[in-house]
């Protein structure tokens, strides 16, 4: 990174030390001894150089982000393929998940705080505890504006616990919430769950559903790749 130091006192020297240690380039130092000799053209040229490098860094960052996203997708696909090779569909019936009656309105601040706490537990990979907390919220009457998310994250937790049949039920319930922002996410996870169960044909059916129902979803490209 190219840096222009406006002022070269104690603070400027500290900044220079840190910048050099991090392998940045100081292209200009402006202080009381040289500021009058620096032309507008020189400052503009240095500014243009910094802008050019900034654009280049943004492009490189965007490329790295896309590569990372594609790499994550490939890992997930390989995990699915591996699961299909070593697993067989479960013969036992999963516990039936019942959708509760709709509860209109806005969830309270206390309910939202409890929901966020449950999600934090899930993100710490304490999946069973998170499922228990989310189920408690559903049982205690959290409103429909968060109930869909409760089911989605219960599906995610069951997915991580490899209880794919149970996960599918929760993801399917998300589809019943008309205004849920998690519907396409849930549909993707339904397809992936069937992949993990080794049911390739059903997985393809669910990927096709994703394209049919959510053609503009961010997951559409991935679904098309699965159907080739």
Foldseek 3Di string as FASTA:
>chain_A
DEDEAEACDPVNVVVVVVCVVVVYHHPYYHHPVCPVVDDPVNVVVSVVVVVVVVVVVVVVVVVVVVVVVVVVLVVLVVVLVVLLVPAAADPDADDQDDDDDAADDAFDPVLVVLLVVLVVCVVVVVLVVSLVSLVVSVVVPGHPVCNLVSLQSNLVSCVVVLVLNSSLNSLVVSCVNPPDPCNLVSLLSNLSSCSSNNNLVVSLVSLVVSCVVPVPDPCVVVSVVSND
